[in-house]
Amino acid sequence: MNENFISVDIGLKGGFAMVDEAIPMPVCKVEVKPARYVQDLLNGKKQYYKSGKNKGEVKMKQKSPAKYEEKLDVSTIYQHFTDVEVVIFESPGTSMGNAARSTATTNRNFGKLLALAELAECQIITVAPHKWKKDLGVTKDKLECVTLAEKLSGLSFRTARGALIDGPAEAWLIGYWYLNHYKE
């Protein structure tokens, strides 16, 4: 069995795992709507800076803040994929109970990840969530997955305040499943 691999929980809040390390999914914030500024009016009149480096310029105030969206950091992900021979992906689950937009985003991101792995010339393996969880004896419960990952790996999958970091934990469990249960 090849130990030069990376396992991936595909969600934006998912993660990557290698044999002895797990990290959150590399994402970046992208501005999708810029901030909008308007002239600062007082009683219908423009206001001007009276001193400083902007002296004489019209004062502006922010009407609406910029909006940002998290997207996959494809350059960082590609770099991770070039360091390994095999990538094990958790396949997208069914859309039952999920919003259509959420399902569409997950499937689009899965397609991006597959393309990056193929560009990096990795062998691609996919596993359904119900398959690896059944083989490892866990349910859909995030706490159960995190607890098992911590027990098997010796790593911590919680924040300093005790919140679960389930994406990297599940990615680590997918890698564990690959090493111990995957049959070619």
N, C-alpha and C. Protein backbone atom coordinates (compact mmCIF):
# COMPACT_ATOMS: atom_id res chain seq x y z
N MET A 1 0.85 -1.18 0.00
CA MET A 1 0.00 0.00 0.00
C MET A 1 0.89 1.24 0.00
N ASN A 2 0.56 2.20 -0.82
CA ASN A 2 1.35 3.42 -0.98
C ASN A 2 1.12 4.36 0.21
N GLU A 3 2.21 4.79 0.86
CA GLU A 3 2.08 5.73 1.98
C GLU A 3 2.37 7.16 1.56
N ASN A 4 2.59 7.39 0.26
CA ASN A 4 2.79 8.73 -0.25
C ASN A 4 1.44 9.23 -0.78
N PHE A 5 0.56 9.63 0.17
CA PHE A 5 -0.79 10.01 -0.21
C PHE A 5 -1.27 11.20 0.61
N ILE A 6 -2.37 11.74 0.17
CA ILE A 6 -3.07 12.77 0.92
C ILE A 6 -4.55 12.41 0.85
N SER A 7 -5.23 12.52 1.98
CA SER A 7 -6.67 12.24 2.01
C SER A 7 -7.41 13.56 2.22
N VAL A 8 -8.60 13.66 1.60
CA VAL A 8 -9.28 14.95 1.55
C VAL A 8 -10.76 14.81 1.92
N ASP A 9 -11.18 15.61 2.91
CA ASP A 9 -12.60 15.83 3.18
C ASP A 9 -12.92 17.07 2.35
N ILE A 10 -13.79 16.94 1.35
CA ILE A 10 -13.88 17.91 0.26
C ILE A 10 -14.59 19.22 0.56
N GLY A 11 -15.24 19.38 1.69
CA GLY A 11 -15.98 20.61 1.95
C GLY A 11 -15.08 21.82 2.17
N LEU A 12 -15.66 23.03 2.03
CA LEU A 12 -14.89 24.24 2.31
C LEU A 12 -14.38 24.24 3.74
N LYS A 13 -15.13 23.63 4.63
CA LYS A 13 -14.70 23.48 6.03
C LYS A 13 -14.09 22.10 6.25
N GLY A 14 -13.69 21.46 5.15
CA GLY A 14 -13.08 20.13 5.20
C GLY A 14 -11.62 20.22 5.58
N GLY A 15 -10.83 19.31 5.05
CA GLY A 15 -9.42 19.32 5.38
C GLY A 15 -8.61 18.34 4.58
N PHE A 16 -7.30 18.38 4.80
CA PHE A 16 -6.33 17.49 4.19
C PHE A 16 -5.64 16.72 5.30
N ALA A 17 -5.19 15.53 4.99
CA ALA A 17 -4.40 14.78 5.97
C ALA A 17 -3.34 13.96 5.26
N MET A 18 -2.17 13.94 5.86
CA MET A 18 -1.09 13.07 5.45
C MET A 18 -0.94 12.05 6.58
N VAL A 19 0.05 11.21 6.53
CA VAL A 19 0.20 10.15 7.53
C VAL A 19 0.26 10.71 8.95
N ASP A 20 0.99 11.78 9.17
CA ASP A 20 1.17 12.27 10.54
C ASP A 20 0.77 13.74 10.72
N GLU A 21 -0.06 14.25 9.81
CA GLU A 21 -0.43 15.66 9.88
C GLU A 21 -1.81 15.86 9.27
N ALA A 22 -2.56 16.80 9.80
CA ALA A 22 -3.86 17.16 9.24
C ALA A 22 -4.00 18.68 9.30
N ILE A 23 -4.53 19.25 8.22
CA ILE A 23 -4.69 20.70 8.15
C ILE A 23 -6.09 21.04 7.62
N PRO A 24 -6.60 22.22 7.97
CA PRO A 24 -7.88 22.64 7.39
C PRO A 24 -7.76 22.84 5.88
N MET A 25 -8.88 22.76 5.19
CA MET A 25 -8.90 22.99 3.74
C MET A 25 -8.35 24.37 3.42
N PRO A 26 -7.36 24.46 2.53
CA PRO A 26 -6.84 25.77 2.16
C PRO A 26 -7.90 26.58 1.40
N VAL A 27 -8.31 27.69 1.99
CA VAL A 27 -9.29 28.57 1.35
C VAL A 27 -8.75 29.99 1.39
N CYS A 28 -9.31 30.85 0.55
CA CYS A 28 -8.95 32.26 0.56
C CYS A 28 -10.22 33.08 0.44
N LYS A 29 -10.17 34.29 0.96
CA LYS A 29 -11.33 35.19 0.86
C LYS A 29 -11.21 35.99 -0.42
N VAL A 30 -12.30 36.05 -1.16
CA VAL A 30 -12.34 36.77 -2.42
C VAL A 30 -13.43 37.83 -2.32
N GLU A 31 -13.10 39.05 -2.71
CA GLU A 31 -14.10 40.11 -2.69
C GLU A 31 -15.08 39.88 -3.83
N VAL A 32 -16.35 39.73 -3.50
CA VAL A 32 -17.36 39.51 -4.53
C VAL A 32 -18.21 40.76 -4.78
N LYS A 33 -18.16 41.70 -3.86
CA LYS A 33 -18.87 42.96 -4.04
C LYS A 33 -18.06 44.04 -3.33
N PRO A 34 -17.56 45.02 -4.09
CA PRO A 34 -16.73 46.05 -3.45
C PRO A 34 -17.55 46.97 -2.55
N ALA A 35 -16.86 47.61 -1.65
CA ALA A 35 -17.52 48.60 -0.79
C ALA A 35 -17.99 49.76 -1.65
N ARG A 36 -19.09 50.35 -1.26
CA ARG A 36 -19.63 51.49 -2.01
C ARG A 36 -19.52 52.74 -1.15
N TYR A 37 -18.98 53.79 -1.75
CA TYR A 37 -18.78 55.06 -1.03
C TYR A 37 -19.61 56.15 -1.69
N VAL A 38 -20.10 57.05 -0.88
CA VAL A 38 -20.86 58.20 -1.36
C VAL A 38 -20.30 59.45 -0.71
N GLN A 39 -20.63 60.58 -1.30
CA GLN A 39 -20.16 61.84 -0.73
C GLN A 39 -20.82 62.07 0.63
N ASP A 40 -20.03 62.58 1.54
CA ASP A 40 -20.54 62.89 2.89
C ASP A 40 -21.21 64.26 2.82
N LEU A 41 -22.53 64.25 2.93
CA LEU A 41 -23.28 65.50 2.83
C LEU A 41 -23.75 65.97 4.20
N LEU A 42 -23.74 67.28 4.39
CA LEU A 42 -24.28 67.88 5.60
C LEU A 42 -25.26 68.96 5.14
N ASN A 43 -26.53 68.74 5.45
CA ASN A 43 -27.58 69.65 4.99
C ASN A 43 -27.56 69.80 3.46
N GLY A 44 -27.30 68.70 2.76
CA GLY A 44 -27.31 68.70 1.30
C GLY A 44 -26.06 69.26 0.66
N LYS A 45 -25.04 69.62 1.45
CA LYS A 45 -23.82 70.20 0.90
C LYS A 45 -22.64 69.24 1.08
N LYS A 46 -21.75 69.26 0.09
CA LYS A 46 -20.54 68.45 0.17
C LYS A 46 -19.68 68.91 1.33
N GLN A 47 -19.01 67.97 1.94
CA GLN A 47 -18.07 68.27 3.02
C GLN A 47 -16.65 68.10 2.48
N TYR A 48 -15.76 68.99 2.85
CA TYR A 48 -14.37 68.94 2.38
C TYR A 48 -13.43 68.82 3.57
N TYR A 49 -12.30 68.14 3.31
CA TYR A 49 -11.25 68.10 4.34
C TYR A 49 -10.64 69.48 4.42
N LYS A 50 -10.45 69.95 5.66
CA LYS A 50 -9.92 71.30 5.86
C LYS A 50 -8.43 71.33 6.13
N SER A 51 -7.87 70.16 6.49
CA SER A 51 -6.44 70.11 6.75
C SER A 51 -5.92 68.71 6.46
N GLY A 52 -4.62 68.55 6.56
CA GLY A 52 -4.01 67.25 6.34
C GLY A 52 -3.72 66.97 4.88
N LYS A 53 -3.29 65.77 4.59
CA LYS A 53 -2.88 65.43 3.23
C LYS A 53 -4.04 65.42 2.23
N ASN A 54 -5.27 65.29 2.72
CA ASN A 54 -6.44 65.27 1.84
C ASN A 54 -7.14 66.63 1.78
N LYS A 55 -6.48 67.68 2.21
CA LYS A 55 -7.08 69.02 2.28
C LYS A 55 -7.68 69.39 0.92
N GLY A 56 -8.93 69.85 0.97
CA GLY A 56 -9.60 70.27 -0.25
C GLY A 56 -10.38 69.17 -0.96
N GLU A 57 -10.16 67.92 -0.59
CA GLU A 57 -10.88 66.81 -1.22
C GLU A 57 -12.23 66.62 -0.55
N VAL A 58 -13.17 66.07 -1.34
CA VAL A 58 -14.52 65.81 -0.83
C VAL A 58 -14.45 64.62 0.14
N LYS A 59 -15.12 64.77 1.28
CA LYS A 59 -15.20 63.66 2.24
C LYS A 59 -16.15 62.61 1.70
N MET A 60 -15.77 61.35 1.87
CA MET A 60 -16.60 60.23 1.43
C MET A 60 -16.92 59.36 2.64
N LYS A 61 -18.10 58.74 2.62
CA LYS A 61 -18.43 57.81 3.68
C LYS A 61 -18.86 56.49 3.06
N GLN A 62 -18.65 55.42 3.81
CA GLN A 62 -18.96 54.09 3.30
C GLN A 62 -20.46 53.85 3.40
N LYS A 63 -21.08 53.60 2.26
CA LYS A 63 -22.52 53.35 2.20
C LYS A 63 -22.82 51.87 2.49
N SER A 64 -22.03 50.98 1.87
CA SER A 64 -22.20 49.55 2.15
C SER A 64 -20.81 48.90 2.16
N PRO A 65 -20.58 47.98 3.08
CA PRO A 65 -19.25 47.36 3.18
C PRO A 65 -19.01 46.36 2.05
N ALA A 66 -17.75 46.03 1.84
CA ALA A 66 -17.39 45.02 0.85
C ALA A 66 -17.90 43.66 1.33
N LYS A 67 -18.24 42.80 0.40
CA LYS A 67 -18.66 41.44 0.74
C LYS A 67 -17.61 40.47 0.23
N TYR A 68 -17.32 39.47 1.05
CA TYR A 68 -16.30 38.49 0.72
C TYR A 68 -16.90 37.09 0.74
N GLU A 69 -16.29 36.20 -0.01
CA GLU A 69 -16.74 34.82 -0.08
C GLU A 69 -15.50 33.93 0.04
N GLU A 70 -15.63 32.81 0.71
CA GLU A 70 -14.51 31.87 0.79
C GLU A 70 -14.52 30.97 -0.43
N LYS A 71 -13.36 30.79 -1.02
CA LYS A 71 -13.19 29.91 -2.17
C LYS A 71 -11.97 29.04 -1.93
N LEU A 72 -11.90 27.93 -2.64
CA LEU A 72 -10.73 27.06 -2.53
C LEU A 72 -9.49 27.81 -2.98
N ASP A 73 -8.40 27.65 -2.25
CA ASP A 73 -7.11 28.23 -2.63
C ASP A 73 -6.42 27.22 -3.54
N VAL A 74 -6.74 27.30 -4.83
CA VAL A 74 -6.31 26.26 -5.77
C VAL A 74 -4.79 26.17 -5.92
N SER A 75 -4.07 27.27 -5.80
CA SER A 75 -2.62 27.19 -5.95
C SER A 75 -1.98 26.43 -4.79
N THR A 76 -2.45 26.65 -3.57
CA THR A 76 -1.93 25.92 -2.42
C THR A 76 -2.30 24.44 -2.50
N ILE A 77 -3.53 24.17 -2.89
CA ILE A 77 -3.99 22.78 -3.01
C ILE A 77 -3.18 22.04 -4.07
N TYR A 78 -2.96 22.68 -5.21
CA TYR A 78 -2.17 22.06 -6.27
C TYR A 78 -0.76 21.74 -5.78
N GLN A 79 -0.18 22.64 -5.01
CA GLN A 79 1.17 22.41 -4.47
C GLN A 79 1.19 21.17 -3.58
N HIS A 80 0.14 21.00 -2.73
CA HIS A 80 0.05 19.80 -1.90
C HIS A 80 -0.03 18.54 -2.77
N PHE A 81 -0.82 18.62 -3.83
CA PHE A 81 -1.01 17.45 -4.69
C PHE A 81 0.26 17.06 -5.46
N THR A 82 1.12 18.03 -5.76
CA THR A 82 2.35 17.71 -6.49
C THR A 82 3.35 16.95 -5.61
N ASP A 83 3.13 16.96 -4.30
CA ASP A 83 4.04 16.28 -3.37
C ASP A 83 3.67 14.82 -3.11
N VAL A 84 2.55 14.35 -3.66
CA VAL A 84 2.08 12.99 -3.38
C VAL A 84 1.77 12.24 -4.67
N GLU A 85 1.61 10.92 -4.54
CA GLU A 85 1.28 10.08 -5.69
C GLU A 85 -0.20 9.72 -5.74
N VAL A 86 -0.84 9.64 -4.56
CA VAL A 86 -2.24 9.22 -4.47
C VAL A 86 -3.04 10.26 -3.70
N VAL A 87 -4.25 10.54 -4.18
CA VAL A 87 -5.18 11.42 -3.46
C VAL A 87 -6.46 10.64 -3.24
N ILE A 88 -6.89 10.57 -1.98
CA ILE A 88 -8.14 9.88 -1.64
C ILE A 88 -9.16 10.94 -1.28
N PHE A 89 -10.23 10.99 -2.05
CA PHE A 89 -11.30 11.96 -1.82
C PHE A 89 -12.51 11.29 -1.22
N GLU A 90 -13.14 11.99 -0.29
CA GLU A 90 -14.48 11.59 0.14
C GLU A 90 -15.41 12.10 -0.95
N SER A 91 -16.20 11.21 -1.53
CA SER A 91 -17.11 11.65 -2.59
C SER A 91 -18.24 12.49 -1.99
N PRO A 92 -18.82 13.40 -2.80
CA PRO A 92 -19.93 14.20 -2.27
C PRO A 92 -21.09 13.30 -1.88
N GLY A 93 -21.71 13.62 -0.76
CA GLY A 93 -22.86 12.85 -0.32
C GLY A 93 -24.09 13.22 -1.13
N THR A 94 -25.19 12.58 -0.84
CA THR A 94 -26.44 12.91 -1.51
C THR A 94 -26.93 14.27 -1.03
N SER A 95 -27.80 14.87 -1.80
CA SER A 95 -28.27 16.20 -1.47
C SER A 95 -29.49 16.18 -0.55
N MET A 96 -29.91 15.03 -0.09
CA MET A 96 -31.08 14.95 0.79
C MET A 96 -30.83 15.77 2.06
N GLY A 97 -31.69 16.73 2.30
CA GLY A 97 -31.57 17.55 3.50
C GLY A 97 -30.67 18.75 3.35
N ASN A 98 -29.92 18.83 2.26
CA ASN A 98 -29.05 19.98 2.02
C ASN A 98 -29.71 20.95 1.06
N ALA A 99 -29.37 22.20 1.17
CA ALA A 99 -29.88 23.20 0.23
C ALA A 99 -29.26 22.96 -1.14
N ALA A 100 -30.00 23.29 -2.18
CA ALA A 100 -29.52 23.09 -3.54
C ALA A 100 -28.23 23.87 -3.80
N ARG A 101 -28.15 25.08 -3.26
CA ARG A 101 -26.96 25.90 -3.47
C ARG A 101 -25.74 25.26 -2.80
N SER A 102 -25.92 24.75 -1.59
CA SER A 102 -24.84 24.08 -0.87
C SER A 102 -24.35 22.85 -1.64
N THR A 103 -25.30 22.07 -2.14
CA THR A 103 -24.95 20.87 -2.90
C THR A 103 -24.20 21.24 -4.18
N ALA A 104 -24.67 22.28 -4.87
CA ALA A 104 -24.01 22.71 -6.10
C ALA A 104 -22.59 23.19 -5.82
N THR A 105 -22.40 23.94 -4.74
CA THR A 105 -21.06 24.43 -4.38
C THR A 105 -20.13 23.27 -4.06
N THR A 106 -20.63 22.30 -3.29
CA THR A 106 -19.81 21.13 -2.94
C THR A 106 -19.40 20.37 -4.19
N ASN A 107 -20.33 20.14 -5.09
CA ASN A 107 -20.00 19.41 -6.32
C ASN A 107 -19.05 20.20 -7.22
N ARG A 108 -19.21 21.51 -7.29
CA ARG A 108 -18.29 22.33 -8.09
C ARG A 108 -16.88 22.27 -7.50
N ASN A 109 -16.78 22.37 -6.17
CA ASN A 109 -15.47 22.29 -5.53
C ASN A 109 -14.85 20.92 -5.69
N PHE A 110 -15.66 19.87 -5.64
CA PHE A 110 -15.16 18.51 -5.86
C PHE A 110 -14.56 18.40 -7.26
N GLY A 111 -15.24 18.99 -8.24
CA GLY A 111 -14.72 18.99 -9.61
C GLY A 111 -13.38 19.71 -9.71
N LYS A 112 -13.26 20.84 -9.01
CA LYS A 112 -11.99 21.57 -9.01
C LYS A 112 -10.88 20.72 -8.41
N LEU A 113 -11.18 20.07 -7.28
CA LEU A 113 -10.18 19.23 -6.61
C LEU A 113 -9.76 18.06 -7.49
N LEU A 114 -10.71 17.43 -8.16
CA LEU A 114 -10.38 16.33 -9.08
C LEU A 114 -9.47 16.82 -10.21
N ALA A 115 -9.79 17.97 -10.77
CA ALA A 115 -8.97 18.52 -11.85
C ALA A 115 -7.55 18.82 -11.37
N LEU A 116 -7.42 19.39 -10.17
CA LEU A 116 -6.09 19.68 -9.64
C LEU A 116 -5.28 18.41 -9.42
N ALA A 117 -5.93 17.37 -8.89
CA ALA A 117 -5.24 16.10 -8.66
C ALA A 117 -4.81 15.48 -9.99
N GLU A 118 -5.65 15.60 -10.99
CA GLU A 118 -5.30 15.04 -12.30
C GLU A 118 -4.15 15.83 -12.93
N LEU A 119 -4.18 17.15 -12.80
CA LEU A 119 -3.07 17.97 -13.32
C LEU A 119 -1.75 17.62 -12.63
N ALA A 120 -1.83 17.28 -11.35
CA ALA A 120 -0.63 16.91 -10.60
C ALA A 120 -0.23 15.46 -10.87
N GLU A 121 -0.97 14.78 -11.75
CA GLU A 121 -0.71 13.39 -12.14
C GLU A 121 -0.76 12.42 -10.97
N CYS A 122 -1.74 12.62 -10.09
CA CYS A 122 -1.95 11.74 -8.95
C CYS A 122 -2.91 10.62 -9.32
N GLN A 123 -2.75 9.49 -8.67
CA GLN A 123 -3.77 8.45 -8.75
C GLN A 123 -4.92 8.93 -7.87
N ILE A 124 -6.14 8.86 -8.39
CA ILE A 124 -7.31 9.37 -7.68
C ILE A 124 -8.17 8.21 -7.19
N ILE A 125 -8.47 8.24 -5.90
CA ILE A 125 -9.36 7.24 -5.29
C ILE A 125 -10.49 8.01 -4.61
N THR A 126 -11.73 7.56 -4.82
CA THR A 126 -12.85 8.18 -4.12
C THR A 126 -13.52 7.13 -3.25
N VAL A 127 -14.03 7.59 -2.13
CA VAL A 127 -14.74 6.71 -1.21
C VAL A 127 -15.97 7.44 -0.71
N ALA A 128 -17.09 6.74 -0.69
CA ALA A 128 -18.32 7.32 -0.18
C ALA A 128 -18.23 7.46 1.34
N PRO A 129 -18.83 8.52 1.88
CA PRO A 129 -18.75 8.72 3.34
C PRO A 129 -19.31 7.53 4.12
N HIS A 130 -20.42 6.95 3.64
CA HIS A 130 -21.02 5.84 4.37
C HIS A 130 -20.12 4.61 4.36
N LYS A 131 -19.27 4.44 3.33
CA LYS A 131 -18.38 3.29 3.23
C LYS A 131 -17.26 3.36 4.28
N TRP A 132 -16.51 4.48 4.29
CA TRP A 132 -15.39 4.54 5.23
C TRP A 132 -15.89 4.63 6.67
N LYS A 133 -17.02 5.29 6.89
CA LYS A 133 -17.55 5.39 8.26
C LYS A 133 -18.03 4.04 8.76
N LYS A 134 -18.66 3.26 7.90
CA LYS A 134 -19.11 1.92 8.28
C LYS A 134 -17.91 1.03 8.60
N ASP A 135 -16.89 1.08 7.73
CA ASP A 135 -15.69 0.26 7.94
C ASP A 135 -14.97 0.62 9.24
N LEU A 136 -15.02 1.89 9.64
CA LEU A 136 -14.35 2.32 10.88
C LEU A 136 -15.29 2.30 12.09
N GLY A 137 -16.55 1.98 11.86
CA GLY A 137 -17.50 1.85 12.97
C GLY A 137 -17.95 3.16 13.57
N VAL A 138 -18.03 4.21 12.76
CA VAL A 138 -18.53 5.50 13.25
C VAL A 138 -19.80 5.89 12.50
N THR A 139 -20.55 6.80 13.09
CA THR A 139 -21.77 7.29 12.47
C THR A 139 -21.51 8.67 11.87
N LYS A 140 -22.57 9.37 11.51
CA LYS A 140 -22.44 10.72 10.97
C LYS A 140 -22.05 11.74 12.04
N ASP A 141 -22.12 11.36 13.29
CA ASP A 141 -21.86 12.27 14.40
C ASP A 141 -20.42 12.80 14.35
N LYS A 142 -20.29 14.11 14.30
CA LYS A 142 -18.97 14.75 14.20
C LYS A 142 -18.11 14.49 15.44
N LEU A 143 -18.73 14.53 16.63
CA LEU A 143 -17.98 14.29 17.86
C LEU A 143 -17.38 12.89 17.86
N GLU A 144 -18.14 11.90 17.39
CA GLU A 144 -17.66 10.53 17.33
C GLU A 144 -16.46 10.41 16.39
N CYS A 145 -16.53 11.09 15.23
CA CYS A 145 -15.41 11.06 14.28
C CYS A 145 -14.17 11.74 14.85
N VAL A 146 -14.36 12.89 15.47
CA VAL A 146 -13.23 13.62 16.06
C VAL A 146 -12.58 12.80 17.18
N THR A 147 -13.40 12.20 18.02
CA THR A 147 -12.88 11.39 19.13
C THR A 147 -12.07 10.21 18.61
N LEU A 148 -12.58 9.52 17.59
CA LEU A 148 -11.84 8.39 17.02
C LEU A 148 -10.55 8.85 16.37
N ALA A 149 -10.59 9.95 15.64
CA ALA A 149 -9.39 10.46 14.99
C ALA A 149 -8.32 10.84 16.03
N GLU A 150 -8.75 11.46 17.12
CA GLU A 150 -7.80 11.82 18.17
C GLU A 150 -7.20 10.58 18.81
N LYS A 151 -8.03 9.57 19.05
CA LYS A 151 -7.57 8.33 19.68
C LYS A 151 -6.55 7.60 18.79
N LEU A 152 -6.85 7.51 17.49
CA LEU A 152 -5.98 6.76 16.57
C LEU A 152 -4.72 7.53 16.18
N SER A 153 -4.83 8.86 16.07
CA SER A 153 -3.71 9.64 15.55
C SER A 153 -2.80 10.24 16.62
N GLY A 154 -3.35 10.49 17.79
CA GLY A 154 -2.57 11.19 18.81
C GLY A 154 -2.56 12.70 18.58
N LEU A 155 -3.25 13.16 17.55
CA LEU A 155 -3.35 14.59 17.24
C LEU A 155 -4.59 15.16 17.92
N SER A 156 -4.66 16.47 18.05
CA SER A 156 -5.85 17.11 18.61
C SER A 156 -6.63 17.76 17.47
N PHE A 157 -7.93 17.51 17.45
CA PHE A 157 -8.81 18.09 16.44
C PHE A 157 -9.85 18.98 17.12
N ARG A 158 -9.37 19.83 18.01
CA ARG A 158 -10.22 20.79 18.72
C ARG A 158 -9.48 22.11 18.81
N THR A 159 -10.25 23.18 18.89
CA THR A 159 -9.64 24.50 19.08
C THR A 159 -9.23 24.63 20.55
N ALA A 160 -8.58 25.74 20.88
CA ALA A 160 -8.18 25.99 22.26
C ALA A 160 -9.39 26.05 23.19
N ARG A 161 -10.54 26.45 22.64
CA ARG A 161 -11.76 26.53 23.44
C ARG A 161 -12.58 25.24 23.40
N GLY A 162 -12.09 24.23 22.71
CA GLY A 162 -12.76 22.93 22.70
C GLY A 162 -13.71 22.69 21.55
N ALA A 163 -13.83 23.63 20.61
CA ALA A 163 -14.69 23.42 19.44
C ALA A 163 -14.08 22.35 18.53
N LEU A 164 -14.92 21.56 17.90
CA LEU A 164 -14.46 20.48 17.03
C LEU A 164 -13.91 21.02 15.72
N ILE A 165 -12.81 20.45 15.28
CA ILE A 165 -12.26 20.73 13.95
C ILE A 165 -12.46 19.44 13.16
N ASP A 166 -13.70 19.24 12.69
CA ASP A 166 -14.08 17.94 12.15
C ASP A 166 -13.58 17.69 10.73
N GLY A 167 -13.35 18.72 9.91
CA GLY A 167 -12.88 18.51 8.54
C GLY A 167 -11.54 17.79 8.48
N PRO A 168 -10.51 18.34 9.13
CA PRO A 168 -9.22 17.65 9.14
C PRO A 168 -9.28 16.29 9.85
N ALA A 169 -10.14 16.16 10.87
CA ALA A 169 -10.29 14.89 11.58
C ALA A 169 -10.84 13.82 10.63
N GLU A 170 -11.87 14.19 9.88
CA GLU A 170 -12.44 13.23 8.93
C GLU A 170 -11.46 12.93 7.81
N ALA A 171 -10.70 13.92 7.36
CA ALA A 171 -9.68 13.68 6.34
C ALA A 171 -8.65 12.67 6.87
N TRP A 172 -8.27 12.81 8.14
CA TRP A 172 -7.30 11.88 8.72
C TRP A 172 -7.91 10.47 8.77
N LEU A 173 -9.18 10.38 9.14
CA LEU A 173 -9.85 9.07 9.19
C LEU A 173 -9.96 8.43 7.80
N ILE A 174 -10.16 9.25 6.78
CA ILE A 174 -10.20 8.72 5.41
C ILE A 174 -8.84 8.13 5.05
N GLY A 175 -7.76 8.80 5.44
CA GLY A 175 -6.42 8.27 5.21
C GLY A 175 -6.19 6.98 5.99
N TYR A 176 -6.68 6.93 7.21
CA TYR A 176 -6.57 5.72 8.03
C TYR A 176 -7.35 4.57 7.37
N TRP A 177 -8.54 4.89 6.87
CA TRP A 177 -9.35 3.89 6.16
C TRP A 177 -8.58 3.37 4.95
N TYR A 178 -7.94 4.27 4.21
CA TYR A 178 -7.18 3.88 3.01
C TYR A 178 -6.05 2.91 3.37
N LEU A 179 -5.32 3.22 4.43
CA LEU A 179 -4.22 2.35 4.83
C LEU A 179 -4.66 0.99 5.35
N ASN A 180 -5.83 0.94 6.00
CA ASN A 180 -6.23 -0.28 6.69
C ASN A 180 -7.38 -1.06 6.07
N HIS A 181 -8.16 -0.43 5.18
CA HIS A 181 -9.34 -1.09 4.65
C HIS A 181 -9.44 -1.08 3.13
N TYR A 182 -8.70 -0.23 2.45
CA TYR A 182 -8.83 -0.11 1.00
C TYR A 182 -8.22 -1.33 0.31
N LYS A 183 -8.99 -1.87 -0.60
CA LYS A 183 -8.52 -3.01 -1.40
C LYS A 183 -8.58 -2.59 -2.86
N GLU A 184 -7.45 -2.67 -3.54
CA GLU A 184 -7.40 -2.26 -4.95
C GLU A 184 -8.17 -3.20 -5.83
